[in-house]
PDB file of N, CA and C in Angstrom:
ATOM      1  N   MET A   1     100.620 124.808  85.333  1.00  0.00           N
ATOM      2  CA  MET A   1     100.845 124.779  86.678  1.00  0.00           C
ATOM      3  C   MET A   1      99.903 124.772  87.493  1.00  0.00           C
ATOM      4  N   LYS A   2      98.880 125.501  87.097  1.00  0.00           N
ATOM      5  CA  LYS A   2      97.519 125.924  87.977  1.00  0.00           C
ATOM      6  C   LYS A   2      96.657 124.667  88.137  1.00  0.00           C
ATOM      7  N   LYS A   3      96.632 123.784  87.211  1.00  0.00           N
ATOM      8  CA  LYS A   3      96.130 122.519  87.303  1.00  0.00           C
ATOM      9  C   LYS A   3      96.432 121.812  88.239  1.00  0.00           C
ATOM     10  N   PHE A   4      97.991 121.768  88.313  1.00  0.00           N
ATOM     11  CA  PHE A   4      98.563 120.814  89.137  1.00  0.00           C
ATOM     12  C   PHE A   4      98.310 121.393  90.757  1.00  0.00           C
ATOM     13  N   LEU A   5      98.287 122.830  90.865  1.00  0.00           N
ATOM     14  CA  LEU A   5      98.188 123.111  92.327  1.00  0.00           C
ATOM     15  C   LEU A   5      96.726 123.041  92.557  1.00  0.00           C
ATOM     16  N   GLU A   6      95.810 122.752  91.694  1.00  0.00           N
ATOM     17  CA  GLU A   6      94.359 122.608  91.993  1.00  0.00           C
ATOM     18  C   GLU A   6      93.795 121.096  92.075  1.00  0.00           C
ATOM     19  N   ALA A   7      94.682 120.222  92.140  1.00  0.00           N
ATOM     20  CA  ALA A   7      94.673 118.904  92.037  1.00  0.00           C
ATOM     21  C   ALA A   7      93.904 118.315  93.203  1.00  0.00           C
ATOM     22  N   ASP A   8      93.056 117.568  93.157  1.00  0.00           N
ATOM     23  CA  ASP A   8      92.119 116.824  94.188  1.00  0.00           C
ATOM     24  C   ASP A   8      93.243 115.529  94.656  1.00  0.00           C
ATOM     25  N   ILE A   9      93.790 115.110  93.729  1.00  0.00           N
ATOM     26  CA  ILE A   9      94.308 113.786  94.061  1.00  0.00           C
ATOM     27  C   ILE A   9      96.035 113.828  93.219  1.00  0.00           C
ATOM     28  N   GLY A  10      96.942 113.246  94.058  1.00  0.00           N
ATOM     29  CA  GLY A  10      98.220 113.121  93.413  1.00  0.00           C
ATOM     30  C   GLY A  10      98.267 111.536  93.460  1.00  0.00           C
ATOM     31  N   VAL A  11      99.059 111.225  92.422  1.00  0.00           N
ATOM     32  CA  VAL A  11      99.429 109.627  92.646  1.00  0.00           C
ATOM     33  C   VAL A  11     100.886 109.661  92.402  1.00  0.00           C
ATOM     34  N   THR A  12     101.541 108.746  92.954  1.00  0.00           N
ATOM     35  CA  THR A  12     103.079 108.580  92.825  1.00  0.00           C
ATOM     36  C   THR A  12     103.396 106.861  93.055  1.00  0.00           C
ATOM     37  N   GLY A  13     104.595 106.616  92.812  1.00  0.00           N
ATOM     38  CA  GLY A  13     105.070 105.122  93.357  1.00  0.00           C
ATOM     39  C   GLY A  13     105.502 105.580  94.706  1.00  0.00           C
ATOM     40  N   CYS A  14     106.104 104.344  95.215  1.00  0.00           N
ATOM     41  CA  CYS A  14     106.855 104.609  96.506  1.00  0.00           C
ATOM     42  C   CYS A  14     107.842 103.522  96.567  1.00  0.00           C
ATOM     43  N   ASN A  15     108.970 103.831  96.992  1.00  0.00           N
ATOM     44  CA  ASN A  15     109.975 103.003  97.099  1.00  0.00           C
ATOM     45  C   ASN A  15     109.921 101.864  98.418  1.00  0.00           C
ATOM     46  N   PHE A  16     109.232 102.324  99.499  1.00  0.00           N
ATOM     47  CA  PHE A  16     108.901 101.304 100.423  1.00  0.00           C
ATOM     48  C   PHE A  16     107.605 102.006 101.367  1.00  0.00           C
ATOM     49  N   ALA A  17     107.099 101.011 101.810  1.00  0.00           N
ATOM     50  CA  ALA A  17     106.057 101.517 102.856  1.00  0.00           C
ATOM     51  C   ALA A  17     106.162 100.679 103.962  1.00  0.00           C
ATOM     52  N   VAL A  18     105.703 101.257 105.433  1.00  0.00           N
ATOM     53  CA  VAL A  18     105.882 100.503 106.488  1.00  0.00           C
ATOM     54  C   VAL A  18     104.542  99.983 107.005  1.00  0.00           C
ATOM     55  N   ALA A  19     104.369  98.821 107.367  1.00  0.00           N
ATOM     56  CA  ALA A  19     103.048  98.620 107.590  1.00  0.00           C
ATOM     57  C   ALA A  19     102.375  98.699 108.977  1.00  0.00           C
ATOM     58  N   ASN A  20     103.170  98.792 110.100  1.00  0.00           N
ATOM     59  CA  ASN A  20     102.935  99.134 111.333  1.00  0.00           C
ATOM     60  C   ASN A  20     102.563 100.853 111.667  1.00  0.00           C
ATOM     61  N   THR A  21     102.895 101.536 110.788  1.00  0.00           N
ATOM     62  CA  THR A  21     102.853 103.182 110.859  1.00  0.00           C
ATOM     63  C   THR A  21     101.882 103.394 109.624  1.00  0.00           C
ATOM     64  N   GLY A  22     101.740 102.826 108.520  1.00  0.00           N
ATOM     65  CA  GLY A  22     101.083 103.406 107.300  1.00  0.00           C
ATOM     66  C   GLY A  22     101.974 104.416 106.619  1.00  0.00           C
ATOM     67  N   SER A  23     103.096 104.453 106.720  1.00  0.00           N
ATOM     68  CA  SER A  23     104.036 105.447 106.407  1.00  0.00           C
ATOM     69  C   SER A  23     104.416 104.975 104.885  1.00  0.00           C
ATOM     70  N   ILE A  24     104.887 105.954 104.114  1.00  0.00           N
ATOM     71  CA  ILE A  24     105.460 105.502 102.671  1.00  0.00           C
ATOM     72  C   ILE A  24     106.710 106.397 102.700  1.00  0.00           C
ATOM     73  N   CYS A  25     107.625 105.774 101.932  1.00  0.00           N
ATOM     74  CA  CYS A  25     109.035 106.346 101.693  1.00  0.00           C
ATOM     75  C   CYS A  25     109.151 106.516 100.437  1.00  0.00           C
ATOM     76  N   LEU A  26     109.381 107.674  99.668  1.00  0.00           N
ATOM     77  CA  LEU A  26     110.121 107.956  98.521  1.00  0.00           C
ATOM     78  C   LEU A  26     111.341 108.664  98.370  1.00  0.00           C
ATOM     79  N   VAL A  27     112.260 107.996  97.503  1.00  0.00           N
ATOM     80  CA  VAL A  27     113.601 108.409  97.201  1.00  0.00           C
ATOM     81  C   VAL A  27     113.505 108.965  96.108  1.00  0.00           C
ATOM     82  N   THR A  28     114.165 110.271  96.064  1.00  0.00           N
ATOM     83  CA  THR A  28     114.255 110.963  94.507  1.00  0.00           C
ATOM     84  C   THR A  28     115.590 111.742  94.579  1.00  0.00           C
ATOM     85  N   ASN A  29     115.981 112.033  93.392  1.00  0.00           N
ATOM     86  CA  ASN A  29     117.005 112.864  93.238  1.00  0.00           C
ATOM     87  C   ASN A  29     116.791 114.495  93.292  1.00  0.00           C
ATOM     88  N   GLU A  30     115.577 114.831  93.070  1.00  0.00           N
ATOM     89  CA  GLU A  30     115.284 116.138  92.674  1.00  0.00           C
ATOM     90  C   GLU A  30     114.213 116.673  93.792  1.00  0.00           C
ATOM     91  N   GLY A  31     113.606 115.792  94.549  1.00  0.00           N
ATOM     92  CA  GLY A  31     112.592 116.252  95.612  1.00  0.00           C
ATOM     93  C   GLY A  31     111.092 116.602  94.927  1.00  0.00           C
ATOM     94  N   ASN A  32     111.022 116.082  93.707  1.00  0.00           N
ATOM     95  CA  ASN A  32     109.786 116.329  92.738  1.00  0.00           C
ATOM     96  C   ASN A  32     108.161 116.009  93.569  1.00  0.00           C
ATOM     97  N   ALA A  33     108.559 114.718  94.173  1.00  0.00           N
ATOM     98  CA  ALA A  33     107.353 113.816  94.575  1.00  0.00           C
ATOM     99  C   ALA A  33     106.985 114.722  95.788  1.00  0.00           C
ATOM    100  N   ASP A  34     107.728 115.590  96.503  1.00  0.00           N
ATOM    101  CA  ASP A  34     106.930 116.241  97.680  1.00  0.00           C
ATOM    102  C   ASP A  34     105.743 117.140  97.412  1.00  0.00           C
ATOM    103  N   LEU A  35     105.804 118.001  95.973  1.00  0.00           N
ATOM    104  CA  LEU A  35     104.730 118.488  95.687  1.00  0.00           C
ATOM    105  C   LEU A  35     103.349 117.771  95.437  1.00  0.00           C
ATOM    106  N   VAL A  36     103.488 116.577  94.854  1.00  0.00           N
ATOM    107  CA  VAL A  36     102.410 115.609  94.609  1.00  0.00           C
ATOM    108  C   VAL A  36     101.979 115.009  95.897  1.00  0.00           C
ATOM    109  N   THR A  37     102.645 114.886  96.736  1.00  0.00           N
ATOM    110  CA  THR A  37     102.073 114.286  98.246  1.00  0.00           C
ATOM    111  C   THR A  37     101.616 115.359  98.998  1.00  0.00           C
ATOM    112  N   ALA A  38     102.015 116.489  98.876  1.00  0.00           N
ATOM    113  CA  ALA A  38     101.834 117.461 100.066  1.00  0.00           C
ATOM    114  C   ALA A  38     100.305 118.493  99.469  1.00  0.00           C
ATOM    115  N   ILE A  39     100.347 118.540  98.296  1.00  0.00           N
ATOM    116  CA  ILE A  39      99.440 119.900  97.816  1.00  0.00           C
ATOM    117  C   ILE A  39      98.098 119.021  97.751  1.00  0.00           C
ATOM    118  N   PRO A  40      97.619 118.109  97.110  1.00  0.00           N
ATOM    119  CA  PRO A  40      96.338 117.509  97.126  1.00  0.00           C
ATOM    120  C   PRO A  40      95.975 117.099  98.327  1.00  0.00           C
ATOM    121  N   LYS A  41      94.437 116.970  98.618  1.00  0.00           N
ATOM    122  CA  LYS A  41      93.787 116.362  99.852  1.00  0.00           C
ATOM    123  C   LYS A  41      94.101 114.747  99.695  1.00  0.00           C
ATOM    124  N   THR A  42      94.119 114.262  98.559  1.00  0.00           N
ATOM    125  CA  THR A  42      94.340 112.912  98.548  1.00  0.00           C
ATOM    126  C   THR A  42      95.522 112.305  97.825  1.00  0.00           C
ATOM    127  N   HIS A  43      96.439 111.612  98.407  1.00  0.00           N
ATOM    128  CA  HIS A  43      97.590 111.118  97.770  1.00  0.00           C
ATOM    129  C   HIS A  43      97.467 109.424  97.730  1.00  0.00           C
ATOM    130  N   ILE A  44      97.550 108.940  96.475  1.00  0.00           N
ATOM    131  CA  ILE A  44      97.478 107.738  96.165  1.00  0.00           C
ATOM    132  C   ILE A  44      99.018 107.140  95.818  1.00  0.00           C
ATOM    133  N   ALA A  45      99.625 106.082  96.603  1.00  0.00           N
ATOM    134  CA  ALA A  45     100.824 105.423  96.754  1.00  0.00           C
ATOM    135  C   ALA A  45     100.668 104.008  95.869  1.00  0.00           C
ATOM    136  N   VAL A  46     101.228 103.728  94.772  1.00  0.00           N
ATOM    137  CA  VAL A  46     101.029 102.688  93.858  1.00  0.00           C
ATOM    138  C   VAL A  46     102.575 101.822  94.107  1.00  0.00           C
ATOM    139  N   MET A  47     102.544 100.592  94.696  1.00  0.00           N
ATOM    140  CA  MET A  47     103.419  99.644  94.812  1.00  0.00           C
ATOM    141  C   MET A  47     103.244  98.454  94.848  1.00  0.00           C
ATOM    142  N   GLY A  48     104.270  97.541  94.703  1.00  0.00           N
ATOM    143  CA  GLY A  48     104.447  96.091  94.702  1.00  0.00           C
ATOM    144  C   GLY A  48     104.189  95.636  96.232  1.00  0.00           C
ATOM    145  N   MET A  49     103.668  94.518  96.378  1.00  0.00           N
ATOM    146  CA  MET A  49     103.759  93.990  97.929  1.00  0.00           C
ATOM    147  C   MET A  49     105.327  94.008  98.537  1.00  0.00           C
ATOM    148  N   GLU A  50     106.210  93.487  97.349  1.00  0.00           N
ATOM    149  CA  GLU A  50     107.665  93.492  98.007  1.00  0.00           C
ATOM    150  C   GLU A  50     108.198  94.753  98.727  1.00  0.00           C
ATOM    151  N   ARG A  51     107.667  95.865  98.494  1.00  0.00           N
ATOM    152  CA  ARG A  51     108.131  96.956  98.970  1.00  0.00           C
ATOM    153  C   ARG A  51     107.669  97.366 100.456  1.00  0.00           C
ATOM    154  N   LEU A  52     106.772  96.257 100.870  1.00  0.00           N
ATOM    155  CA  LEU A  52     106.272  96.398 102.195  1.00  0.00           C
ATOM    156  C   LEU A  52     107.201  95.936 103.446  1.00  0.00           C
ATOM    157  N   VAL A  53     107.543  96.753 104.349  1.00  0.00           N
ATOM    158  CA  VAL A  53     108.297  96.203 105.458  1.00  0.00           C
ATOM    159  C   VAL A  53     107.629  96.341 106.741  1.00  0.00           C
ATOM    160  N   PRO A  54     107.783  95.329 107.646  1.00  0.00           N
ATOM    161  CA  PRO A  54     106.971  95.475 108.858  1.00  0.00           C
ATOM    162  C   PRO A  54     107.100  96.694 109.947  1.00  0.00           C
ATOM    163  N   THR A  55     108.160  97.280 110.116  1.00  0.00           N
ATOM    164  CA  THR A  55     108.480  98.208 110.919  1.00  0.00           C
ATOM    165  C   THR A  55     109.775  99.273 110.311  1.00  0.00           C
ATOM    166  N   MET A  56     109.743 100.309 111.105  1.00  0.00           N
ATOM    167  CA  MET A  56     110.687 101.567 110.499  1.00  0.00           C
ATOM    168  C   MET A  56     112.282 100.905 110.663  1.00  0.00           C
ATOM    169  N   GLU A  57     112.367  99.991 111.653  1.00  0.00           N
ATOM    170  CA  GLU A  57     113.747  99.503 111.787  1.00  0.00           C
ATOM    171  C   GLU A  57     114.165  98.619 110.604  1.00  0.00           C
ATOM    172  N   GLU A  58     113.382  97.867 110.178  1.00  0.00           N
ATOM    173  CA  GLU A  58     113.557  97.046 108.852  1.00  0.00           C
ATOM    174  C   GLU A  58     113.907  98.299 107.602  1.00  0.00           C
ATOM    175  N   LEU A  59     113.058  99.197 107.514  1.00  0.00           N
ATOM    176  CA  LEU A  59     113.207 100.387 106.541  1.00  0.00           C
ATOM    177  C   LEU A  59     114.427 100.876 106.546  1.00  0.00           C
ATOM    178  N   ASP A  60     114.845 101.217 107.721  1.00  0.00           N
ATOM    179  CA  ASP A  60     116.070 101.770 107.956  1.00  0.00           C
ATOM    180  C   ASP A  60     117.500 101.142 107.302  1.00  0.00           C
ATOM    181  N   VAL A  61     117.333  99.892 107.337  1.00  0.00           N
ATOM    182  CA  VAL A  61     118.403  99.010 106.688  1.00  0.00           C
ATOM    183  C   VAL A  61     118.095  99.101 105.100  1.00  0.00           C
ATOM    184  N   LEU A  62     117.044  98.911 104.832  1.00  0.00           N
ATOM    185  CA  LEU A  62     116.583  98.697 103.246  1.00  0.00           C
ATOM    186  C   LEU A  62     116.932 100.099 102.447  1.00  0.00           C
ATOM    187  N   VAL A  63     116.799 101.171 103.227  1.00  0.00           N
ATOM    188  CA  VAL A  63     116.700 102.547 102.279  1.00  0.00           C
ATOM    189  C   VAL A  63     118.286 102.734 102.064  1.00  0.00           C
ATOM    190  N   GLY A  64     119.171 102.235 103.482  1.00  0.00           N
ATOM    191  CA  GLY A  64     120.508 102.653 102.986  1.00  0.00           C
ATOM    192  C   GLY A  64     120.971 101.943 101.756  1.00  0.00           C
ATOM    193  N   LEU A  65     120.752 100.468 101.782  1.00  0.00           N
ATOM    194  CA  LEU A  65     121.054  99.611 100.781  1.00  0.00           C
ATOM    195  C   LEU A  65     120.647 100.068  99.296  1.00  0.00           C
ATOM    196  N   PHE A  66     119.109 100.305  99.392  1.00  0.00           N
ATOM    197  CA  PHE A  66     118.695 100.889  98.080  1.00  0.00           C
ATOM    198  C   PHE A  66     119.438 102.141  97.645  1.00  0.00           C
ATOM    199  N   VAL A  67     119.525 103.164  98.553  1.00  0.00           N
ATOM    200  CA  VAL A  67     120.141 104.446  97.728  1.00  0.00           C
ATOM    201  C   VAL A  67     121.754 103.989  97.275  1.00  0.00           C
ATOM    202  N   GLN A  68     122.313 103.224  98.214  1.00  0.00           N
ATOM    203  CA  GLN A  68     124.093 102.832  97.487  1.00  0.00           C
ATOM    204  C   GLN A  68     123.719 102.148  96.198  1.00  0.00           C
ATOM    205  N   GLU A  69     122.808 101.372  96.037  1.00  0.00           N
ATOM    206  CA  GLU A  69     122.836 100.411  94.621  1.00  0.00           C
ATOM    207  C   GLU A  69     122.159 101.409  93.656  1.00  0.00           C
ATOM    208  N   ARG A  70     121.176 102.338  94.032  1.00  0.00           N
ATOM    209  CA  ARG A  70     120.803 103.116  92.880  1.00  0.00           C
ATOM    210  C   ARG A  70     121.742 104.382  92.469  1.00  0.00           C
ATOM    211  N   SER A  71     122.323 104.659  93.415  1.00  0.00           N
ATOM    212  CA  SER A  71     123.273 106.155  93.033  1.00  0.00           C
ATOM    213  C   SER A  71     124.589 105.898  93.022  1.00  0.00           C
ATOM    214  N   GLN A  72     125.107 104.794  93.779  1.00  0.00           N
ATOM    215  CA  GLN A  72     126.632 104.570  93.784  1.00  0.00           C
ATOM    216  C   GLN A  72     127.334 105.715  94.669  1.00  0.00           C
ATOM    217  N   LYS A  73     126.110 106.187  95.616  1.00  0.00           N
ATOM    218  CA  LYS A  73     126.704 107.199  96.626  1.00  0.00           C
ATOM    219  C   LYS A  73     126.276 106.629  98.079  1.00  0.00           C
ATOM    220  N   LYS A  74     126.674 107.233  98.893  1.00  0.00           N
ATOM    221  CA  LYS A  74     126.150 106.894 100.437  1.00  0.00           C
ATOM    222  C   LYS A  74     124.999 107.437 101.069  1.00  0.00           C
ATOM    223  N   LEU A  75     124.933 108.667 100.245  1.00  0.00           N
ATOM    224  CA  LEU A  75     123.274 109.063 100.576  1.00  0.00           C
ATOM    225  C   LEU A  75     122.507 109.751  99.295  1.00  0.00           C
ATOM    226  N   THR A  76     121.335 109.827  99.406  1.00  0.00           N
ATOM    227  CA  THR A  76     120.676 110.404  98.229  1.00  0.00           C
ATOM    228  C   THR A  76     120.392 111.885  98.531  1.00  0.00           C
ATOM    229  N   ILE A  77     119.948 112.504  97.828  1.00  0.00           N
ATOM    230  CA  ILE A  77     119.472 113.898  97.720  1.00  0.00           C
ATOM    231  C   ILE A  77     118.357 114.245  98.709  1.00  0.00           C
ATOM    232  N   PHE A  78     117.279 113.544  98.167  1.00  0.00           N
ATOM    233  CA  PHE A  78     115.965 113.532  98.973  1.00  0.00           C
ATOM    234  C   PHE A  78     115.455 112.218  99.396  1.00  0.00           C
ATOM    235  N   LEU A  79     114.942 112.284 100.605  1.00  0.00           N
ATOM    236  CA  LEU A  79     114.235 111.224 101.151  1.00  0.00           C
ATOM    237  C   LEU A  79     112.868 111.645 101.891  1.00  0.00           C
ATOM    238  N   SER A  80     111.708 111.428 101.094  1.00  0.00           N
ATOM    239  CA  SER A  80     110.683 112.013 101.652  1.00  0.00           C
ATOM    240  C   SER A  80     109.745 110.819 102.606  1.00  0.00           C
ATOM    241  N   TRP A  81     109.339 111.335 103.617  1.00  0.00           N
ATOM    242  CA  TRP A  81     108.430 110.506 104.330  1.00  0.00           C
ATOM    243  C   TRP A  81     106.834 111.016 104.318  1.00  0.00           C
ATOM    244  N   ASP A  82     105.705 110.151 104.159  1.00  0.00           N
ATOM    245  CA  ASP A  82     104.516 110.566 104.322  1.00  0.00           C
ATOM    246  C   ASP A  82     103.734 109.735 105.222  1.00  0.00           C
ATOM    247  N   GLN A  83     103.221 110.254 106.386  1.00  0.00           N
ATOM    248  CA  GLN A  83     102.436 109.667 107.254  1.00  0.00           C
ATOM    249  C   GLN A  83     101.370 110.388 107.730  1.00  0.00           C
ATOM    250  N   LYS A  84     100.087 109.979 107.529  1.00  0.00           N
ATOM    251  CA  LYS A  84      98.758 110.466 107.936  1.00  0.00           C
ATOM    252  C   LYS A  84      98.365 110.154 109.253  1.00  0.00           C
ATOM    253  N   GLU A  85      97.603 111.058 109.997  1.00  0.00           N
ATOM    254  CA  GLU A  85      97.193 110.696 111.296  1.00  0.00           C
ATOM    255  C   GLU A  85      96.251 109.400 110.980  1.00  0.00           C
ATOM    256  N   LYS A  86      96.155 108.343 111.911  1.00  0.00           N
ATOM    257  CA  LYS A  86      94.868 107.385 111.918  1.00  0.00           C
ATOM    258  C   LYS A  86      93.804 107.907 112.135  1.00  0.00           C
ATOM    259  N   GLU A  87      92.609 107.669 111.418  1.00  0.00           N
ATOM    260  CA  GLU A  87      91.307 108.165 111.842  1.00  0.00           C
ATOM    261  C   GLU A  87      90.642 107.045 112.840  1.00  0.00           C
ATOM    262  N   ASN A  88      89.726 107.579 113.563  1.00  0.00           N
ATOM    263  CA  ASN A  88      89.102 106.463 114.629  1.00  0.00           C
ATOM    264  C   ASN A  88      88.006 106.073 113.874  1.00  0.00           C
TER     265      ASN A  88
END
């Protein structure tokens, strides 16, 4: 656990990414992804281009469909967002 807490880089997949904000969306059943995205200074999200949506409005529709299809429920337990401030 100590090595995990001292990690400089965290790597996850992501369910969706939003082009106009740079946000990523992780859908999990246990919330484990939050530690990997929040603790290290650098987070690397690996995804295919088919997961990229133009705006948050499109993401809203896709997340609802994704969660229902994966879990056969209307809501999942954890939906995590990660958006960093843009550097000038």
